[in-house]
Protein backbone atom coordinates (compact mmCIF):
# COMPACT_ATOMS: atom_id res chain seq x y z
CA UNK A 1 -7.58 5.90 -20.03
CA UNK A 2 -6.76 9.51 -20.88
CA UNK A 3 -9.22 10.83 -18.29
CA UNK A 4 -7.86 8.41 -15.69
CA UNK A 5 -4.33 9.64 -16.37
CA UNK A 6 -5.46 13.29 -16.07
CA UNK A 7 -6.86 12.53 -12.60
CA UNK A 8 -3.66 10.67 -11.69
CA UNK A 9 -1.50 13.64 -12.67
CA UNK A 10 -3.80 16.05 -10.80
CA UNK A 11 -3.57 14.00 -7.60
CA UNK A 12 0.20 13.56 -7.91
CA UNK A 13 0.58 17.33 -8.32
CA UNK A 14 -1.54 17.92 -5.22
CA UNK A 15 0.70 15.54 -3.24
CA UNK A 16 3.83 17.49 -4.13
CA UNK A 17 2.18 20.95 -3.98
CA UNK A 18 0.96 20.29 -0.41
CA UNK A 19 4.30 18.78 0.68
CA UNK A 20 2.54 15.50 1.59
CA UNK A 21 4.79 13.62 -0.83
CA UNK A 22 8.00 15.12 0.57
CA UNK A 23 6.97 14.45 4.18
CA UNK A 24 5.96 10.87 3.37
CA UNK A 25 9.18 10.12 1.47
CA UNK A 26 11.45 11.72 4.09
CA UNK A 27 9.73 9.92 6.99
CA UNK A 28 9.79 6.60 5.14
CA UNK A 29 13.47 6.93 4.25
CA UNK A 30 14.29 8.14 7.77
CA UNK A 31 12.55 5.27 9.55
CA UNK A 32 13.69 2.58 7.14
CA UNK A 33 17.24 3.95 7.14
CA UNK A 34 17.51 4.11 10.93
CA UNK A 35 16.17 0.62 11.48
CA UNK A 36 18.08 -0.88 8.55
CA UNK A 37 21.48 0.62 9.30
CA UNK A 38 21.60 1.71 12.95
CA UNK A 39 19.27 -0.24 15.24
CA UNK A 40 20.43 -3.47 16.91
CA UNK A 41 18.82 -5.70 14.28
CA UNK A 42 20.63 -3.90 11.47
CA UNK A 43 22.19 -5.57 8.45
CA UNK A 44 25.65 -5.84 10.01
CA UNK A 45 24.45 -8.16 12.79
CA UNK A 46 23.45 -10.87 10.32
CA UNK A 47 26.96 -10.85 8.83
CA UNK A 48 25.53 -11.29 5.33
CA UNK A 49 24.56 -9.05 2.43
CA UNK A 50 20.78 -8.97 2.69
CA UNK A 51 17.94 -6.44 2.52
CA UNK A 52 15.79 -8.60 4.82
CA UNK A 53 15.90 -6.03 7.63
CA UNK A 54 14.74 -3.25 5.29
CA UNK A 55 11.87 -5.34 3.92
CA UNK A 56 10.77 -6.08 7.50
CA UNK A 57 10.81 -2.37 8.40
CA UNK A 58 9.03 -1.34 5.19
CA UNK A 59 6.33 -3.94 5.86
CA UNK A 60 5.34 -2.03 9.01
CA UNK A 61 6.10 1.51 7.80
CA UNK A 62 3.81 1.27 4.78
CA UNK A 63 1.05 -0.17 6.96
CA UNK A 64 0.84 3.22 8.72
CA UNK A 65 1.88 5.55 5.89
CA UNK A 66 -0.59 4.41 3.25
CA UNK A 67 -3.81 5.14 5.22
CA UNK A 68 -2.33 8.61 5.83
CA UNK A 69 -2.04 9.33 2.10
CA UNK A 70 -5.38 7.76 1.10
CA UNK A 71 -7.53 9.23 3.90
CA UNK A 72 -8.29 12.46 2.06
CA UNK A 73 -8.55 11.10 -1.48
CA UNK A 74 -12.33 10.70 -1.63
CA UNK A 75 -13.41 11.88 1.84
CA UNK A 76 -12.16 15.42 1.18
CA UNK A 77 -13.77 15.48 -2.29
CA UNK A 78 -17.08 14.45 -0.70
CA UNK A 79 -16.79 17.05 2.07
CA UNK A 80 -15.88 19.90 -0.28
CA UNK A 81 -18.35 18.80 -2.95
CA UNK A 82 -15.64 18.79 -5.61
CA UNK A 83 -16.49 15.20 -6.47
CA UNK A 84 -19.58 16.56 -8.21
CA UNK A 85 -17.40 18.80 -10.38
CA UNK A 86 -15.62 15.74 -11.70
CA UNK A 87 -18.95 14.28 -12.76
CA UNK A 88 -19.67 17.36 -14.86
CA UNK A 89 -16.45 16.54 -16.75
CA UNK A 90 -18.09 13.29 -17.86
CA UNK A 91 -15.69 11.20 -15.80
CA UNK A 92 -16.94 7.82 -14.63
CA UNK A 93 -16.70 6.63 -11.03
CA UNK A 94 -14.32 3.89 -12.14
CA UNK A 95 -11.98 6.44 -13.76
CA UNK A 96 -12.02 8.59 -10.59
CA UNK A 97 -11.13 5.64 -8.34
CA UNK A 98 -8.50 4.28 -10.71
CA UNK A 99 -6.92 7.72 -11.18
CA UNK A 100 -6.58 8.22 -7.44
CA UNK A 101 -5.32 4.65 -6.99
CA UNK A 102 -2.56 5.12 -9.56
CA UNK A 103 -1.51 8.46 -8.04
CA UNK A 104 -1.07 6.86 -4.59
CA UNK A 105 0.72 3.84 -6.04
CA UNK A 106 3.14 5.99 -8.06
CA UNK A 107 3.94 8.01 -4.93
CA UNK A 108 4.77 4.80 -3.03
CA UNK A 109 6.88 3.50 -5.93
CA UNK A 110 8.83 6.79 -5.95
CA UNK A 111 9.48 6.35 -2.21
CA UNK A 112 10.63 2.75 -2.77
CA UNK A 113 12.85 3.83 -5.67
CA UNK A 114 14.62 6.20 -3.28
CA UNK A 115 15.78 3.14 -1.29
CA UNK A 116 17.69 1.63 -4.23
CA UNK A 117 20.96 3.10 -2.84
CA UNK A 118 20.46 0.61 0.05
CA UNK A 119 20.70 -2.23 -2.47
CA UNK A 120 23.69 -0.71 -4.24
CA UNK A 121 25.53 -0.19 -0.95
CA UNK A 122 24.77 -3.64 0.46
CA UNK A 123 25.68 -5.36 -2.80
CA UNK A 124 29.16 -3.85 -2.40
CA UNK A 125 29.51 -5.62 0.97
CA UNK A 126 29.00 -9.15 -0.34
CA UNK A 127 27.02 -11.42 -2.63
CA UNK A 128 23.39 -10.43 -2.37
CA UNK A 129 20.49 -12.62 -3.48
CA UNK A 130 19.04 -10.59 -6.37
CA UNK A 131 16.00 -12.88 -6.54
CA UNK A 132 14.99 -12.08 -2.96
CA UNK A 133 15.54 -8.36 -3.61
CA UNK A 134 13.30 -8.37 -6.70
CA UNK A 135 10.70 -10.49 -4.87
CA UNK A 136 10.87 -8.19 -1.83
CA UNK A 137 10.30 -5.02 -3.85
CA UNK A 138 7.51 -6.68 -5.86
CA UNK A 139 5.93 -7.80 -2.59
CA UNK A 140 6.10 -4.25 -1.21
CA UNK A 141 4.44 -2.85 -4.35
CA UNK A 142 1.63 -5.42 -4.23
CA UNK A 143 1.21 -4.96 -0.48
CA UNK A 144 1.04 -1.18 -0.99
CA UNK A 145 -1.48 -1.51 -3.82
CA UNK A 146 -3.66 -3.68 -1.55
CA UNK A 147 -3.60 -1.15 1.29
CA UNK A 148 -4.23 1.73 -1.14
CA UNK A 149 -7.38 0.02 -2.44
CA UNK A 150 -8.52 -0.58 1.17
CA UNK A 151 -7.72 3.05 2.01
CA UNK A 152 -9.72 4.36 -0.96
CA UNK A 153 -12.69 2.22 0.08
CA UNK A 154 -12.45 3.58 3.64
CA UNK A 155 -12.18 7.13 2.26
CA UNK A 156 -15.33 6.61 0.18
CA UNK A 157 -17.33 5.76 3.31
CA UNK A 158 -17.00 9.10 5.06
CA UNK A 159 -16.37 12.83 4.70
CA UNK A 160 -14.00 12.88 7.68
CA UNK A 161 -10.31 12.23 6.97
CA UNK A 162 -9.53 11.02 10.51
CA UNK A 163 -12.40 8.54 10.39
CA UNK A 164 -11.15 7.42 6.98
CA UNK A 165 -7.63 6.89 8.37
CA UNK A 166 -8.87 4.85 11.33
CA UNK A 167 -11.22 2.77 9.18
CA UNK A 168 -8.41 1.92 6.77
CA UNK A 169 -6.18 0.89 9.67
CA UNK A 170 -8.97 -1.17 11.22
CA UNK A 171 -9.60 -3.11 8.01
CA UNK A 172 -5.90 -3.49 7.22
CA UNK A 173 -5.00 -4.76 10.67
CA UNK A 174 -6.93 -7.97 9.99
CA UNK A 175 -4.85 -8.72 6.91
CA UNK A 176 -1.61 -7.39 8.45
CA UNK A 177 -1.44 -9.64 11.49
CA UNK A 178 -4.82 -10.64 12.99
CA UNK A 179 -5.58 -13.36 10.44
CA UNK A 180 -2.03 -14.65 10.93
CA UNK A 181 -2.53 -14.76 14.73
CA UNK A 182 -5.96 -16.39 14.41
CA UNK A 183 -4.61 -19.08 12.06
CA UNK A 184 -2.26 -20.25 14.84
CA UNK A 185 -5.33 -21.06 16.98
CA UNK A 186 -6.91 -23.30 14.39
CA UNK A 187 -5.85 -26.47 12.64
CA UNK A 188 -6.98 -28.08 9.41
CA UNK A 189 -9.00 -26.21 6.81
CA UNK A 190 -9.91 -23.30 9.11
CA UNK A 191 -6.25 -22.68 9.93
CA UNK A 192 -5.29 -22.82 6.24
CA UNK A 193 -8.05 -20.34 5.32
CA UNK A 194 -7.00 -17.79 7.95
CA UNK A 195 -3.35 -18.27 7.00
CA UNK A 196 -4.19 -17.65 3.32
CA UNK A 197 -5.94 -14.39 4.30
CA UNK A 198 -2.78 -13.16 6.03
CA UNK A 199 -0.80 -10.65 3.99
CA UNK A 200 2.33 -11.51 5.98
CA UNK A 201 2.27 -15.13 4.78
CA UNK A 202 2.23 -14.00 1.12
CA UNK A 203 4.65 -11.11 1.62
CA UNK A 204 7.20 -13.26 3.49
CA UNK A 205 7.10 -15.79 0.68
CA UNK A 206 7.79 -13.14 -1.97
CA UNK A 207 10.53 -11.42 0.06
CA UNK A 208 12.41 -14.75 0.02
CA UNK A 209 12.37 -14.57 -3.77
CA UNK A 210 9.53 -17.06 -4.26
CA UNK A 211 7.02 -15.73 -6.81
CA UNK A 212 3.96 -17.96 -6.52
CA UNK A 213 0.79 -17.49 -8.58
CA UNK A 214 -1.26 -17.94 -5.37
CA UNK A 215 0.39 -14.84 -3.91
CA UNK A 216 -0.28 -12.79 -7.06
CA UNK A 217 -3.93 -13.94 -7.09
CA UNK A 218 -4.29 -13.06 -3.39
CA UNK A 219 -2.99 -9.51 -3.79
CA UNK A 220 -4.90 -9.04 -7.05
CA UNK A 221 -8.13 -10.10 -5.33
CA UNK A 222 -7.72 -7.59 -2.48
CA UNK A 223 -6.86 -4.78 -4.92
CA UNK A 224 -9.82 -5.55 -7.19
CA UNK A 225 -12.26 -5.90 -4.29
CA UNK A 226 -11.13 -2.65 -2.64
CA UNK A 227 -11.40 -0.66 -5.87
CA UNK A 228 -14.78 -2.21 -6.71
CA UNK A 229 -16.17 -1.35 -3.26
CA UNK A 230 -14.85 2.23 -3.51
CA UNK A 231 -16.44 2.61 -6.95
CA UNK A 232 -19.70 1.16 -5.62
CA UNK A 233 -19.79 3.68 -2.77
CA UNK A 234 -19.27 6.53 -5.25
CA UNK A 235 -22.02 5.17 -7.48
CA UNK A 236 -24.34 4.91 -4.48
CA UNK A 237 -24.86 8.68 -4.46
CA UNK A 238 -26.30 8.40 -7.97
CA UNK A 239 -28.77 5.77 -6.82
CA UNK A 240 -29.83 7.98 -3.90
CA UNK A 241 -30.28 11.03 -6.15
């Protein structure tokens, strides 16, 4: 765990040293703030104290932001050959992947924490449903962790950051809305399967304050599978050598 945490701290430092963290946080706060407070579907239109608009905006913002922060994580290490240096430090592939995963997740959590003034402000306007707020933030964290694991897997497949970004988007788009759209075309078991694979179905449930074990299992499965595939791709170089 100590080696994993060392990698996490190294990656977090690189985010803030290269200004990636500041740009990501400012853009996220800017977009979410504009659409939450100023655009026609803002919180004042609903005439109720709710963060529903923000959770809807964050659902789409993180879909694009996360591939941007994960695209270089392994692809750049492979291109520069620095991934081999980590091996000389007796660090396992699993520790490398987990360290990078935690660094990305902590960065997203910091960005989400910066939106807490939204909650404080809206709660002053009326009675807000704390359960839906907690469920919404938990849903965003699990959604982000899922896309981070997909992004790390995409980054492990190539040495090109742009290709990594596009691959992560391509894989994520199925979970983000394609499975949801496909489920509407089917009925019975097939429709239920596609609907279960839709991240929106699980996220919407949690953002209403409903914490269901099926949602936790769904997100946990995507996170575990993404990290396992990324670790497998890193280990593949050892098999080839």
